[in-house]
Structures are given as C-alpha cells and as structure tokens.
Amino acid sequence: MSKVIRVKYEKGVLKPLEPLDLQEGEEVQVIIQPGEPIAEKYYGIARKHRPNLDKKEFLEVLEEIEDEDIRGH
C-alpha cells in the first residue's frame, strides 16, 4: 500500500499531520519532498477570493491549523 501524507519536522522528528494505519514497529520508506508548493497553491486560490490577503499572515494561519490538527484540537 502506498500513501502520500504530509508531515511536519520538529526537533529532529517527522510528525504526521494525519493518523497513520501502521502497526507498532512497522517500517516504511519515506521520500522527502518540500511542502511549500502546496502552501503556494492554496495561497494563490485564496488570493482569488481575497486579493489583498497578506502572504505571511496566510502562511502563519496555515501553520496554526496544522499545529491544531497535530494536537487533535
């Protein structure tokens, strides 16, 4: 089974941004690919609806959403 997931790198550890269907101790292969293009894509879509949207603020909000998702809130 192959699946693409997003992860966040914090303090030397890759943390999944969604639940994983893995058994304890199961090994998987990881391919590292920068996630910035996804954020850029969403920013471009958001700007169509809010032309004056500040990119820095947008990326900060996106990060807050991801942090909440990791903590399960």
Protein backbone atom coordinates (compact mmCIF):
# COMPACT_ATOMS: atom_id res chain seq x y z
CA MET A 1 0.00 0.00 0.00
CA SER A 2 1.34 3.44 -0.94
CA LYS A 3 0.02 6.65 0.56
CA VAL A 4 1.13 10.26 0.43
CA ILE A 5 0.85 12.12 3.74
CA ARG A 6 2.02 15.49 5.00
CA VAL A 7 4.40 15.65 7.94
CA LYS A 8 5.97 18.41 9.97
CA TYR A 9 9.61 18.36 11.06
CA GLU A 10 10.02 19.42 14.70
CA LYS A 11 13.01 18.97 16.98
CA GLY A 12 14.58 16.32 14.78
CA VAL A 13 11.40 14.26 14.37
CA LEU A 14 8.96 13.94 11.47
CA LYS A 15 5.41 14.19 12.83
CA PRO A 16 2.45 13.07 10.69
CA LEU A 17 -0.32 15.61 10.19
CA GLU A 18 -2.91 12.83 9.99
CA PRO A 19 -3.42 9.40 11.60
CA LEU A 20 -1.41 6.52 10.14
CA ASP A 21 -2.71 2.98 9.69
CA LEU A 22 0.52 1.29 10.82
CA GLN A 23 1.37 -1.42 13.33
CA GLU A 24 3.75 -0.59 16.19
CA GLY A 25 7.31 -1.17 14.98
CA GLU A 26 6.32 -1.37 11.31
CA GLU A 27 8.94 0.06 8.97
CA VAL A 28 8.10 2.21 5.95
CA GLN A 29 10.06 4.10 3.30
CA VAL A 30 9.96 7.89 3.42
CA ILE A 31 10.55 10.18 0.45
CA ILE A 32 11.29 13.77 1.42
CA GLN A 33 9.61 16.37 -0.81
CA PRO A 34 9.21 20.01 0.20
CA GLY A 35 5.64 21.00 1.03
CA GLU A 36 5.87 24.67 0.08
CA PRO A 37 4.28 24.24 -3.36
CA ILE A 38 1.03 23.11 -1.67
CA ALA A 39 1.00 26.23 0.52
CA GLU A 40 1.74 28.35 -2.54
CA LYS A 41 -1.14 26.73 -4.42
CA TYR A 42 -3.60 27.39 -1.59
CA TYR A 43 -2.35 30.95 -1.25
CA GLY A 44 -2.98 31.52 -4.96
CA ILE A 45 -6.52 30.14 -4.64
CA ALA A 46 -7.20 32.25 -1.53
CA ARG A 47 -5.96 35.40 -3.30
CA LYS A 48 -8.65 34.93 -5.94
CA HIS A 49 -11.22 35.45 -3.18
CA ARG A 50 -9.23 37.94 -1.09
CA PRO A 51 -6.93 39.94 -3.42
CA ASN A 52 -5.40 41.90 -0.51
CA LEU A 53 -4.53 38.79 1.51
CA ASP A 54 -1.07 39.07 3.09
CA LYS A 55 1.08 36.03 2.26
CA LYS A 56 2.95 35.99 5.58
CA GLU A 57 -0.31 36.11 7.55
CA PHE A 58 -1.84 33.40 5.35
CA LEU A 59 1.13 31.06 5.91
CA GLU A 60 1.01 31.72 9.68
CA VAL A 61 -2.69 30.79 9.78
CA LEU A 62 -1.99 27.67 7.73
CA GLU A 63 0.71 26.67 10.23
CA GLU A 64 -1.66 27.25 13.16
CA ILE A 65 -4.24 24.99 11.53
CA GLU A 66 -1.63 22.27 11.03
CA ASP A 67 -0.47 22.59 14.66
CA GLU A 68 -4.05 22.22 15.91
CA ASP A 69 -4.54 19.18 13.66
CA ILE A 70 -1.38 17.54 15.09
CA ARG A 71 -2.56 18.06 18.68
CA GLY A 72 -6.05 16.82 17.83
CA HIS A 73 -7.89 20.04 18.68
